[in-house]
């Protein structure tokens, strides 16, 4: 199984994918999203609720 990329490698890839005229705010926002995704993935590994289950629950909320 391939080893997951390090945070440093992910940040480099993120920055390399941005346009040359991006702002510091653009970079900050993308880093914020990256961290939110990393935390969500870690939560799932610890037994969080999978997206498919959340969708089922949310479908029930809309019917009420």
PDB file of N, CA and C in Angstrom:
ATOM      1  N   UNK A   1       0.849  -1.177   0.000  1.00  0.00           N
ATOM      2  CA  UNK A   1       0.000   0.000   0.000  1.00  0.00           C
ATOM      3  C   UNK A   1       0.896   1.242   0.000  1.00  0.00           C
ATOM      4  N   UNK A   2       0.649   2.200  -0.908  1.00  0.00           N
ATOM      5  CA  UNK A   2       1.483   3.399  -0.958  1.00  0.00           C
ATOM      6  C   UNK A   2       1.289   4.261   0.284  1.00  0.00           C
ATOM      7  N   UNK A   3       2.359   4.880   0.698  1.00  0.00           N
ATOM      8  CA  UNK A   3       2.331   5.743   1.873  1.00  0.00           C
ATOM      9  C   UNK A   3       1.625   7.058   1.523  1.00  0.00           C
ATOM     10  N   UNK A   4       0.792   7.547   2.442  1.00  0.00           N
ATOM     11  CA  UNK A   4       0.080   8.807   2.228  1.00  0.00           C
ATOM     12  C   UNK A   4       1.078   9.958   2.180  1.00  0.00           C
ATOM     13  N   UNK A   5       0.801  10.947   1.338  1.00  0.00           N
ATOM     14  CA  UNK A   5       1.720  12.088   1.270  1.00  0.00           C
ATOM     15  C   UNK A   5       1.742  12.847   2.593  1.00  0.00           C
ATOM     16  N   UNK A   6       2.885  13.418   2.897  1.00  0.00           N
ATOM     17  CA  UNK A   6       3.013  14.202   4.125  1.00  0.00           C
ATOM     18  C   UNK A   6       2.246  15.512   3.980  1.00  0.00           C
ATOM     19  N   UNK A   7       1.985  16.149   5.098  1.00  0.00           N
ATOM     20  CA  UNK A   7       1.313  17.443   5.071  1.00  0.00           C
ATOM     21  C   UNK A   7       2.132  18.438   4.253  1.00  0.00           C
ATOM     22  N   UNK A   8       3.427  18.405   4.429  1.00  0.00           N
ATOM     23  CA  UNK A   8       4.307  19.314   3.689  1.00  0.00           C
ATOM     24  C   UNK A   8       4.157  19.101   2.185  1.00  0.00           C
ATOM     25  N   UNK A   9       4.104  17.847   1.758  1.00  0.00           N
ATOM     26  CA  UNK A   9       3.941  17.546   0.336  1.00  0.00           C
ATOM     27  C   UNK A   9       2.571  18.004  -0.157  1.00  0.00           C
ATOM     28  N   UNK A  10       1.541  17.831   0.673  1.00  0.00           N
ATOM     29  CA  UNK A  10       0.206  18.270   0.288  1.00  0.00           C
ATOM     30  C   UNK A  10       0.139  19.789   0.139  1.00  0.00           C
ATOM     31  N   UNK A  11       0.800  20.511   1.045  1.00  0.00           N
ATOM     32  CA  UNK A  11       0.811  21.975   0.979  1.00  0.00           C
ATOM     33  C   UNK A  11       1.561  22.448  -0.267  1.00  0.00           C
ATOM     34  N   UNK A  12       2.677  21.809  -0.567  1.00  0.00           N
ATOM     35  CA  UNK A  12       3.415  22.176  -1.785  1.00  0.00           C
ATOM     36  C   UNK A  12       2.548  21.968  -3.021  1.00  0.00           C
ATOM     37  N   UNK A  13       1.860  20.836  -3.075  1.00  0.00           N
ATOM     38  CA  UNK A  13       1.000  20.537  -4.222  1.00  0.00           C
ATOM     39  C   UNK A  13      -0.133  21.562  -4.318  1.00  0.00           C
ATOM     40  N   UNK A  14      -0.690  21.916  -3.176  1.00  0.00           N
ATOM     41  CA  UNK A  14      -1.759  22.904  -3.138  1.00  0.00           C
ATOM     42  C   UNK A  14      -1.275  24.239  -3.698  1.00  0.00           C
ATOM     43  N   UNK A  15      -0.135  24.705  -3.228  1.00  0.00           N
ATOM     44  CA  UNK A  15       0.405  25.989  -3.672  1.00  0.00           C
ATOM     45  C   UNK A  15       0.801  25.939  -5.143  1.00  0.00           C
ATOM     46  N   UNK A  16       1.407  24.841  -5.560  1.00  0.00           N
ATOM     47  CA  UNK A  16       1.792  24.713  -6.969  1.00  0.00           C
ATOM     48  C   UNK A  16       0.572  24.737  -7.889  1.00  0.00           C
ATOM     49  N   UNK A  17      -0.579  24.322  -7.392  1.00  0.00           N
ATOM     50  CA  UNK A  17      -1.789  24.296  -8.204  1.00  0.00           C
ATOM     51  C   UNK A  17      -2.513  25.625  -8.292  1.00  0.00           C
ATOM     52  N   UNK A  18      -2.107  26.591  -7.501  1.00  0.00           N
ATOM     53  CA  UNK A  18      -2.744  27.901  -7.533  1.00  0.00           C
ATOM     54  C   UNK A  18      -2.163  28.755  -8.646  1.00  0.00           C
ATOM     55  N   UNK A  19      -2.939  29.689  -9.161  1.00  0.00           N
ATOM     56  CA  UNK A  19      -2.408  30.576 -10.197  1.00  0.00           C
ATOM     57  C   UNK A  19      -1.343  31.506  -9.625  1.00  0.00           C
ATOM     58  N   UNK A  20      -0.463  31.996 -10.484  1.00  0.00           N
ATOM     59  CA  UNK A  20       0.618  32.873 -10.036  1.00  0.00           C
ATOM     60  C   UNK A  20       0.120  34.175  -9.418  1.00  0.00           C
ATOM     61  N   UNK A  21      -1.063  34.607  -9.799  1.00  0.00           N
ATOM     62  CA  UNK A  21      -1.577  35.875  -9.274  1.00  0.00           C
ATOM     63  C   UNK A  21      -2.506  35.690  -8.069  1.00  0.00           C
ATOM     64  N   UNK A  22      -2.433  34.529  -7.412  1.00  0.00           N
ATOM     65  CA  UNK A  22      -3.298  34.305  -6.248  1.00  0.00           C
ATOM     66  C   UNK A  22      -2.871  35.224  -5.106  1.00  0.00           C
ATOM     67  N   UNK A  23      -3.790  35.454  -4.200  1.00  0.00           N
ATOM     68  CA  UNK A  23      -3.514  36.312  -3.045  1.00  0.00           C
ATOM     69  C   UNK A  23      -3.167  35.453  -1.827  1.00  0.00           C
ATOM     70  N   UNK A  24      -2.656  36.111  -0.804  1.00  0.00           N
ATOM     71  CA  UNK A  24      -2.382  35.414   0.461  1.00  0.00           C
ATOM     72  C   UNK A  24      -3.692  34.865   1.027  1.00  0.00           C
ATOM     73  N   UNK A  25      -4.789  35.588   0.805  1.00  0.00           N
ATOM     74  CA  UNK A  25      -6.095  35.128   1.271  1.00  0.00           C
ATOM     75  C   UNK A  25      -6.503  33.840   0.550  1.00  0.00           C
ATOM     76  N   UNK A  26      -6.210  33.752  -0.753  1.00  0.00           N
ATOM     77  CA  UNK A  26      -6.496  32.529  -1.502  1.00  0.00           C
ATOM     78  C   UNK A  26      -5.742  31.348  -0.904  1.00  0.00           C
ATOM     79  N   UNK A  27      -4.476  31.551  -0.596  1.00  0.00           N
ATOM     80  CA  UNK A  27      -3.644  30.491  -0.024  1.00  0.00           C
ATOM     81  C   UNK A  27      -4.188  30.097   1.354  1.00  0.00           C
ATOM     82  N   UNK A  28      -4.507  31.085   2.155  1.00  0.00           N
ATOM     83  CA  UNK A  28      -5.023  30.826   3.492  1.00  0.00           C
ATOM     84  C   UNK A  28      -6.311  30.014   3.427  1.00  0.00           C
ATOM     85  N   UNK A  29      -7.215  30.382   2.534  1.00  0.00           N
ATOM     86  CA  UNK A  29      -8.479  29.674   2.410  1.00  0.00           C
ATOM     87  C   UNK A  29      -8.254  28.224   1.986  1.00  0.00           C
ATOM     88  N   UNK A  30      -7.369  27.996   1.030  1.00  0.00           N
ATOM     89  CA  UNK A  30      -7.098  26.627   0.578  1.00  0.00           C
ATOM     90  C   UNK A  30      -6.467  25.799   1.690  1.00  0.00           C
ATOM     91  N   UNK A  31      -5.579  26.417   2.478  1.00  0.00           N
ATOM     92  CA  UNK A  31      -4.990  25.706   3.617  1.00  0.00           C
ATOM     93  C   UNK A  31      -6.061  25.364   4.655  1.00  0.00           C
ATOM     94  N   UNK A  32      -6.981  26.283   4.863  1.00  0.00           N
ATOM     95  CA  UNK A  32      -8.104  26.052   5.778  1.00  0.00           C
ATOM     96  C   UNK A  32      -8.917  24.843   5.314  1.00  0.00           C
ATOM     97  N   UNK A  33      -9.247  24.792   4.015  1.00  0.00           N
ATOM     98  CA  UNK A  33     -10.000  23.661   3.481  1.00  0.00           C
ATOM     99  C   UNK A  33      -9.225  22.358   3.620  1.00  0.00           C
ATOM    100  N   UNK A  34      -7.928  22.399   3.323  1.00  0.00           N
ATOM    101  CA  UNK A  34      -7.099  21.210   3.449  1.00  0.00           C
ATOM    102  C   UNK A  34      -7.149  20.677   4.883  1.00  0.00           C
ATOM    103  N   UNK A  35      -7.052  21.563   5.858  1.00  0.00           N
ATOM    104  CA  UNK A  35      -7.084  21.140   7.259  1.00  0.00           C
ATOM    105  C   UNK A  35      -8.450  20.563   7.628  1.00  0.00           C
ATOM    106  N   UNK A  36      -9.517  21.175   7.153  1.00  0.00           N
ATOM    107  CA  UNK A  36     -10.858  20.655   7.434  1.00  0.00           C
ATOM    108  C   UNK A  36     -11.014  19.243   6.865  1.00  0.00           C
ATOM    109  N   UNK A  37     -10.512  19.021   5.661  1.00  0.00           N
ATOM    110  CA  UNK A  37     -10.578  17.698   5.044  1.00  0.00           C
ATOM    111  C   UNK A  37      -9.761  16.701   5.850  1.00  0.00           C
ATOM    112  N   UNK A  38      -8.556  17.087   6.247  1.00  0.00           N
ATOM    113  CA  UNK A  38      -7.705  16.188   7.043  1.00  0.00           C
ATOM    114  C   UNK A  38      -8.384  15.812   8.357  1.00  0.00           C
ATOM    115  N   UNK A  39      -9.014  16.785   9.008  1.00  0.00           N
ATOM    116  CA  UNK A  39      -9.705  16.510  10.273  1.00  0.00           C
ATOM    117  C   UNK A  39     -10.906  15.587  10.058  1.00  0.00           C
ATOM    118  N   UNK A  40     -11.636  15.808   8.976  1.00  0.00           N
ATOM    119  CA  UNK A  40     -12.773  14.947   8.657  1.00  0.00           C
ATOM    120  C   UNK A  40     -12.351  13.515   8.405  1.00  0.00           C
ATOM    121  N   UNK A  41     -11.257  13.350   7.659  1.00  0.00           N
ATOM    122  CA  UNK A  41     -10.747  11.999   7.398  1.00  0.00           C
ATOM    123  C   UNK A  41     -10.291  11.326   8.688  1.00  0.00           C
ATOM    124  N   UNK A  42      -9.641  12.091   9.559  1.00  0.00           N
ATOM    125  CA  UNK A  42      -9.196  11.535  10.841  1.00  0.00           C
ATOM    126  C   UNK A  42     -10.395  11.135  11.697  1.00  0.00           C
ATOM    127  N   UNK A  43     -11.448  11.943  11.644  1.00  0.00           N
ATOM    128  CA  UNK A  43     -12.663  11.636  12.400  1.00  0.00           C
ATOM    129  C   UNK A  43     -13.288  10.330  11.911  1.00  0.00           C
ATOM    130  N   UNK A  44     -13.310  10.133  10.594  1.00  0.00           N
ATOM    131  CA  UNK A  44     -13.857   8.890  10.056  1.00  0.00           C
ATOM    132  C   UNK A  44     -13.040   7.686  10.505  1.00  0.00           C
ATOM    133  N   UNK A  45     -11.734   7.837  10.548  1.00  0.00           N
ATOM    134  CA  UNK A  45     -10.874   6.733  10.998  1.00  0.00           C
ATOM    135  C   UNK A  45     -11.137   6.390  12.456  1.00  0.00           C
ATOM    136  N   UNK A  46     -11.553   7.391  13.240  1.00  0.00           N
ATOM    137  CA  UNK A  46     -11.854   7.160  14.658  1.00  0.00           C
ATOM    138  C   UNK A  46     -13.279   6.679  14.869  1.00  0.00           C
ATOM    139  N   UNK A  47     -14.019   6.484  13.781  1.00  0.00           N
ATOM    140  CA  UNK A  47     -15.381   5.974  13.913  1.00  0.00           C
ATOM    141  C   UNK A  47     -16.456   7.006  13.691  1.00  0.00           C
ATOM    142  N   UNK A  48     -16.154   8.069  12.985  1.00  0.00           N
ATOM    143  CA  UNK A  48     -17.158   9.087  12.670  1.00  0.00           C
ATOM    144  C   UNK A  48     -18.234   8.527  11.760  1.00  0.00           C
ATOM    145  N   UNK A  49     -19.215   9.344  11.480  1.00  0.00           N
ATOM    146  CA  UNK A  49     -20.345   8.921  10.654  1.00  0.00           C
ATOM    147  C   UNK A  49     -19.970   9.081   9.177  1.00  0.00           C
ATOM    148  N   UNK A  50     -20.080   8.013   8.385  1.00  0.00           N
ATOM    149  CA  UNK A  50     -19.773   8.107   6.957  1.00  0.00           C
ATOM    150  C   UNK A  50     -20.763   9.026   6.228  1.00  0.00           C
ATOM    151  N   UNK A  51     -20.314   9.622   5.144  1.00  0.00           N
ATOM    152  CA  UNK A  51     -21.124  10.552   4.360  1.00  0.00           C
ATOM    153  C   UNK A  51     -22.449   9.916   3.943  1.00  0.00           C
ATOM    154  N   UNK A  52     -22.421   8.663   3.538  1.00  0.00           N
ATOM    155  CA  UNK A  52     -23.657   7.991   3.100  1.00  0.00           C
ATOM    156  C   UNK A  52     -24.690   7.950   4.229  1.00  0.00           C
ATOM    157  N   UNK A  53     -24.243   7.750   5.453  1.00  0.00           N
ATOM    158  CA  UNK A  53     -25.164   7.715   6.589  1.00  0.00           C
ATOM    159  C   UNK A  53     -25.708   9.113   6.880  1.00  0.00           C
ATOM    160  N   UNK A  54     -24.876  10.110   6.779  1.00  0.00           N
ATOM    161  CA  UNK A  54     -25.329  11.494   6.991  1.00  0.00           C
ATOM    162  C   UNK A  54     -26.401  11.855   5.963  1.00  0.00           C
ATOM    163  N   UNK A  55     -26.192  11.435   4.708  1.00  0.00           N
ATOM    164  CA  UNK A  55     -27.182  11.719   3.657  1.00  0.00           C
ATOM    165  C   UNK A  55     -28.522  11.071   3.998  1.00  0.00           C
ATOM    166  N   UNK A  56     -28.496   9.845   4.499  1.00  0.00           N
ATOM    167  CA  UNK A  56     -29.736   9.155   4.876  1.00  0.00           C
ATOM    168  C   UNK A  56     -30.448   9.919   5.997  1.00  0.00           C
ATOM    169  N   UNK A  57     -29.676  10.324   6.996  1.00  0.00           N
ATOM    170  CA  UNK A  57     -30.260  11.061   8.114  1.00  0.00           C
ATOM    171  C   UNK A  57     -30.826  12.392   7.654  1.00  0.00           C
ATOM    172  N   UNK A  58     -30.083  13.105   6.814  1.00  0.00           N
ATOM    173  CA  UNK A  58     -30.524  14.408   6.344  1.00  0.00           C
ATOM    174  C   UNK A  58     -31.788  14.296   5.489  1.00  0.00           C
ATOM    175  N   UNK A  59     -31.916  13.215   4.720  1.00  0.00           N
ATOM    176  CA  UNK A  59     -33.116  13.001   3.902  1.00  0.00           C
ATOM    177  C   UNK A  59     -34.341  12.913   4.819  1.00  0.00           C
ATOM    178  N   UNK A  60     -34.188  12.291   5.947  1.00  0.00           N
ATOM    179  CA  UNK A  60     -35.287  12.179   6.914  1.00  0.00           C
ATOM    180  C   UNK A  60     -35.653  13.525   7.525  1.00  0.00           C
ATOM    181  N   UNK A  61     -34.679  14.392   7.709  1.00  0.00           N
ATOM    182  CA  UNK A  61     -34.937  15.710   8.283  1.00  0.00           C
ATOM    183  C   UNK A  61     -35.780  16.560   7.350  1.00  0.00           C
ATOM    184  N   UNK A  62     -35.535  16.422   6.049  1.00  0.00           N
ATOM    185  CA  UNK A  62     -36.262  17.246   5.069  1.00  0.00           C
ATOM    186  C   UNK A  62     -37.729  16.859   4.999  1.00  0.00           C
ATOM    187  N   UNK A  63     -38.065  15.644   5.357  1.00  0.00           N
ATOM    188  CA  UNK A  63     -39.447  15.175   5.268  1.00  0.00           C
ATOM    189  C   UNK A  63     -40.296  15.688   6.434  1.00  0.00           C
ATOM    190  N   UNK A  64     -39.655  16.124   7.482  1.00  0.00           N
ATOM    191  CA  UNK A  64     -40.400  16.561   8.695  1.00  0.00           C
ATOM    192  C   UNK A  64     -40.950  17.941   8.535  1.00  0.00           C
TER     193      UNK A  64
END
